[in-house]
Amino acid sequence: MNSIADNICAVRQQIAESAARCGRAPDSVRLLAVSKTRSADELRQACEAGQRAFGENYLQEALDKIEALKDLALEWHFIGPIQSNKTRPIAEHFDWVHSVDRIKVARRLSEQRPAGLPPLNVCLQVNISAEASKSGCLPDQVAELAREVASLPGLRLRGLMAIPEASGVPAEQRRPFAALRQLLEQLREELPQLDTLSMGMSGDMSAAIEEGATIVRIGTALFGPRDYSRPNP
């Protein structure tokens, strides 16, 4: 069985190869380790292998790990659905939020961001495949939401995030990633500061990178399969 360090090395190599195939520099794609359900000890091992950015879905679990690993210089990303009554601890403890999909949540995050911290980096989550089971705003709602979020003082709008419907056909897998890239390109005509496409996971990161991903969110390929018999924290 490979160690977490071996897996991180392998994934970084895969990122570099995917970037090279489409003429991109390897460092144009950041690796975000999706660490939901993983222990603080596993995250510490990943940190020892050079990984600094971690993505969490479950707030209380994340807060426990942030406290346990406060001796490390880590970057914390919240990537799960956001309940309005949970925005304060997210605003107080995270560096990034990838899952903003409505203005009410964005306003609360902005108002609750502590004055001593830099603006919270945020991505708008887009339901790019229009799946009924997925969170996110629809593509035709993105421009208006982006304008509103960009005006909030406690936030720094960085770009878009999506979790497209999975497909076993490479060309079909690339299609929603291309749609998200095109959506960002349109937004940049009005908001040129946008620089982030958070898209691609363990099973489809190459397709995402080929369509312009700047952050790939990888869990299973780093830590191994999750134990789904455990209840969500």
Protein backbone atom coordinates (compact mmCIF):
# COMPACT_ATOMS: atom_id res chain seq x y z
CA MET A 1 0.00 0.00 0.00
CA ASN A 2 1.36 3.40 -0.98
CA SER A 3 1.88 6.03 1.68
CA ILE A 4 0.14 9.40 1.62
CA ALA A 5 3.48 10.95 0.61
CA ASP A 6 3.78 8.52 -2.33
CA ASN A 7 0.23 9.33 -3.41
CA ILE A 8 0.84 13.07 -3.27
CA CYS A 9 3.93 12.63 -5.43
CA ALA A 10 2.00 10.54 -7.95
CA VAL A 11 -0.88 13.01 -8.15
CA ARG A 12 1.47 15.96 -8.60
CA GLN A 13 3.15 14.06 -11.43
CA GLN A 14 -0.23 13.42 -13.03
CA ILE A 15 -1.08 17.11 -12.74
CA ALA A 16 2.24 18.04 -14.37
CA GLU A 17 1.70 15.59 -17.24
CA SER A 18 -1.86 16.77 -17.85
CA ALA A 19 -0.75 20.40 -17.84
CA ALA A 20 2.12 19.68 -20.23
CA ARG A 21 -0.22 18.00 -22.73
CA CYS A 22 -2.12 21.25 -23.16
CA GLY A 23 0.88 23.59 -22.99
CA ARG A 24 0.37 24.76 -19.42
CA ALA A 25 2.94 25.13 -16.67
CA PRO A 26 2.57 22.56 -13.86
CA ASP A 27 2.44 25.32 -11.25
CA SER A 28 -0.63 26.82 -12.93
CA VAL A 29 -2.70 24.08 -11.26
CA ARG A 30 -2.95 23.91 -7.47
CA LEU A 31 -3.62 20.67 -5.62
CA LEU A 32 -6.31 20.94 -2.95
CA ALA A 33 -6.35 17.86 -0.71
CA VAL A 34 -9.96 16.95 0.08
CA SER A 35 -9.64 15.78 3.66
CA LYS A 36 -13.23 15.21 4.81
CA THR A 37 -13.48 12.16 7.11
CA ARG A 38 -9.68 12.00 7.33
CA SER A 39 -7.90 12.24 10.66
CA ALA A 40 -5.70 15.07 11.81
CA ASP A 41 -2.80 12.60 11.79
CA GLU A 42 -3.37 11.86 8.09
CA LEU A 43 -3.38 15.58 7.34
CA ARG A 44 -0.16 15.98 9.29
CA GLN A 45 1.40 13.25 7.16
CA ALA A 46 0.27 15.07 4.03
CA CYS A 47 1.73 18.30 5.36
CA GLU A 48 5.06 16.57 5.97
CA ALA A 49 4.98 15.61 2.28
CA GLY A 50 4.57 19.26 1.29
CA GLN A 51 0.80 19.62 1.05
CA ARG A 52 -0.52 22.82 2.63
CA ALA A 53 -4.04 23.38 1.24
CA PHE A 54 -6.89 21.22 2.58
CA GLY A 55 -10.58 21.19 1.64
CA GLU A 56 -13.25 20.30 4.19
CA ASN A 57 -16.99 19.64 3.75
CA TYR A 58 -18.23 19.20 7.32
CA LEU A 59 -17.91 22.24 9.53
CA GLN A 60 -17.52 20.76 13.02
CA GLU A 61 -15.09 18.11 11.81
CA ALA A 62 -13.08 20.83 10.08
CA LEU A 63 -13.00 23.06 13.16
CA ASP A 64 -11.70 20.17 15.25
CA LYS A 65 -8.87 19.58 12.76
CA ILE A 66 -8.05 23.27 12.46
CA GLU A 67 -7.59 23.35 16.25
CA ALA A 68 -5.58 20.11 16.31
CA LEU A 69 -3.24 21.32 13.57
CA LYS A 70 -2.91 24.97 14.57
CA ASP A 71 0.85 24.51 14.95
CA LEU A 72 1.10 24.06 11.15
CA ALA A 73 0.90 26.77 8.51
CA LEU A 74 -2.05 25.36 6.57
CA GLU A 75 -4.55 26.89 4.17
CA TRP A 76 -8.15 25.85 4.84
CA HIS A 77 -10.82 25.69 2.13
CA PHE A 78 -14.50 25.11 2.87
CA ILE A 79 -15.97 23.17 -0.06
CA GLY A 80 -19.30 21.82 1.26
CA PRO A 81 -22.84 23.18 1.23
CA ILE A 82 -23.27 26.21 3.49
CA GLN A 83 -26.13 26.60 5.92
CA SER A 84 -26.95 30.21 6.72
CA ASN A 85 -26.61 29.62 10.46
CA LYS A 86 -23.08 28.24 10.03
CA THR A 87 -21.51 31.16 8.20
CA ARG A 88 -19.80 32.81 11.19
CA PRO A 89 -17.31 30.01 12.00
CA ILE A 90 -16.61 29.59 8.29
CA ALA A 91 -15.88 33.31 7.97
CA GLU A 92 -13.68 33.21 11.06
CA HIS A 93 -11.59 30.10 10.38
CA PHE A 94 -11.23 29.53 6.63
CA ASP A 95 -9.07 31.11 3.92
CA TRP A 96 -11.26 30.07 0.99
CA VAL A 97 -14.89 29.10 0.39
CA HIS A 98 -15.69 27.31 -2.88
CA SER A 99 -19.43 26.79 -2.43
CA VAL A 100 -21.13 30.20 -2.39
CA ASP A 101 -24.33 29.89 -4.41
CA ARG A 102 -26.64 32.61 -3.08
CA ILE A 103 -26.29 36.22 -2.04
CA LYS A 104 -27.68 35.72 1.47
CA VAL A 105 -24.78 33.44 2.36
CA ALA A 106 -22.26 35.76 0.70
CA ARG A 107 -23.50 38.78 2.67
CA ARG A 108 -23.29 36.89 5.95
CA LEU A 109 -19.75 35.70 5.20
CA SER A 110 -18.72 39.26 4.36
CA GLU A 111 -20.30 40.79 7.46
CA GLN A 112 -18.87 38.09 9.73
CA ARG A 113 -15.31 38.08 8.37
CA PRO A 114 -13.10 39.36 11.23
CA ALA A 115 -11.60 42.78 10.59
CA GLY A 116 -8.09 41.54 11.35
CA LEU A 117 -8.14 38.97 8.55
CA PRO A 118 -7.75 39.56 4.80
CA PRO A 119 -10.90 39.27 2.68
CA LEU A 120 -12.19 35.72 2.38
CA ASN A 121 -11.43 34.19 -1.02
CA VAL A 122 -14.64 32.81 -2.55
CA CYS A 123 -15.74 30.90 -5.61
CA LEU A 124 -19.31 30.69 -6.84
CA GLN A 125 -20.58 27.14 -7.09
CA VAL A 126 -22.28 26.54 -10.43
CA ASN A 127 -24.62 23.64 -11.11
CA ILE A 128 -23.11 23.36 -14.56
CA SER A 129 -24.90 20.09 -15.43
CA ALA A 130 -28.27 21.32 -14.04
CA GLU A 131 -28.61 18.24 -11.81
CA ALA A 132 -31.52 18.33 -9.39
CA SER A 133 -29.41 16.69 -6.67
CA LYS A 134 -26.55 19.19 -6.88
CA SER A 135 -26.05 22.49 -5.08
CA GLY A 136 -25.05 25.59 -6.99
CA CYS A 137 -26.59 28.41 -8.96
CA LEU A 138 -27.56 27.84 -12.57
CA PRO A 139 -25.32 29.26 -15.30
CA ASP A 140 -27.79 32.00 -16.25
CA GLN A 141 -27.77 33.22 -12.61
CA VAL A 142 -24.00 33.51 -12.30
CA ALA A 143 -23.39 36.98 -13.75
CA GLU A 144 -25.82 38.76 -11.42
CA LEU A 145 -24.57 36.86 -8.37
CA ALA A 146 -20.95 37.57 -9.32
CA ARG A 147 -21.59 41.31 -9.50
CA GLU A 148 -23.20 41.32 -6.07
CA VAL A 149 -20.54 39.18 -4.43
CA ALA A 150 -17.70 41.19 -5.97
CA SER A 151 -19.05 44.32 -4.27
CA LEU A 152 -18.93 42.87 -0.73
CA PRO A 153 -16.03 44.26 1.31
CA GLY A 154 -15.26 41.16 3.37
CA LEU A 155 -14.91 38.90 0.34
CA ARG A 156 -12.58 38.55 -2.63
CA LEU A 157 -14.37 36.88 -5.52
CA ARG A 158 -11.85 34.59 -7.20
CA GLY A 159 -13.84 32.53 -9.71
CA LEU A 160 -16.10 29.53 -10.20
CA MET A 161 -16.42 25.98 -8.88
CA ALA A 162 -18.41 23.04 -10.22
CA ILE A 163 -18.91 19.31 -9.69
CA PRO A 164 -20.12 18.11 -13.10
CA GLU A 165 -22.04 14.94 -13.69
CA ALA A 166 -19.60 12.05 -14.14
CA SER A 167 -19.12 10.49 -17.57
CA GLY A 168 -16.99 7.57 -18.71
CA VAL A 169 -16.50 9.19 -22.12
CA PRO A 170 -13.54 11.63 -22.13
CA ALA A 171 -15.07 14.04 -24.65
CA GLU A 172 -18.31 14.18 -22.72
CA GLN A 173 -16.44 14.67 -19.43
CA ARG A 174 -14.66 17.70 -20.86
CA ARG A 175 -17.87 19.37 -22.04
CA PRO A 176 -19.10 20.73 -18.67
CA PHE A 177 -15.58 21.80 -17.74
CA ALA A 178 -15.37 23.72 -21.01
CA ALA A 179 -18.73 25.32 -20.26
CA LEU A 180 -17.50 26.50 -16.86
CA ARG A 181 -14.32 27.91 -18.42
CA GLN A 182 -16.37 29.79 -21.01
CA LEU A 183 -18.59 31.15 -18.26
CA LEU A 184 -15.54 32.47 -16.40
CA GLU A 185 -14.19 34.03 -19.59
CA GLN A 186 -17.47 35.89 -20.04
CA LEU A 187 -17.42 37.11 -16.44
CA ARG A 188 -13.85 38.37 -16.81
CA GLU A 189 -14.99 40.89 -19.41
CA GLU A 190 -16.66 42.72 -16.52
CA LEU A 191 -14.60 41.35 -13.60
CA PRO A 192 -11.05 40.91 -14.96
CA GLN A 193 -9.64 40.05 -11.53
CA LEU A 194 -11.23 36.60 -11.59
CA ASP A 195 -8.52 33.95 -11.84
CA THR A 196 -9.82 30.64 -10.45
CA LEU A 197 -11.53 27.56 -11.87
CA SER A 198 -12.01 25.03 -9.08
CA MET A 199 -12.93 21.86 -10.94
CA GLY A 200 -11.76 18.29 -11.29
CA MET A 201 -11.52 15.46 -8.76
CA SER A 202 -9.68 12.14 -8.57
CA GLY A 203 -11.58 10.56 -11.46
CA ASP A 204 -11.63 13.49 -13.88
CA MET A 205 -8.75 15.82 -13.02
CA SER A 206 -7.02 15.41 -16.40
CA ALA A 207 -10.13 16.50 -18.30
CA ALA A 208 -10.52 19.47 -15.96
CA ILE A 209 -6.90 20.55 -16.35
CA GLU A 210 -7.17 20.32 -20.14
CA GLU A 211 -10.11 22.73 -19.92
CA GLY A 212 -8.36 25.24 -17.68
CA ALA A 213 -8.73 24.15 -14.04
CA THR A 214 -6.53 26.16 -11.69
CA ILE A 215 -7.47 24.15 -8.56
CA VAL A 216 -8.18 20.41 -8.57
CA ARG A 217 -9.87 18.92 -5.50
CA ILE A 218 -8.40 15.48 -4.85
CA GLY A 219 -9.29 13.13 -2.00
CA THR A 220 -9.40 9.42 -2.86
CA ALA A 221 -6.22 9.47 -4.95
CA LEU A 222 -4.32 10.95 -1.99
CA PHE A 223 -5.84 9.20 1.01
CA GLY A 224 -7.45 6.08 -0.46
CA PRO A 225 -11.14 5.09 -0.45
CA ARG A 226 -13.35 6.60 2.24
CA ASP A 227 -15.27 4.52 4.73
CA TYR A 228 -18.83 5.47 3.79
CA SER A 229 -20.25 3.35 6.62
CA ARG A 230 -19.28 6.15 8.97
CA PRO A 231 -21.97 8.79 9.50
CA ASN A 232 -21.25 12.27 8.22
CA PRO A 233 -19.87 14.39 11.06
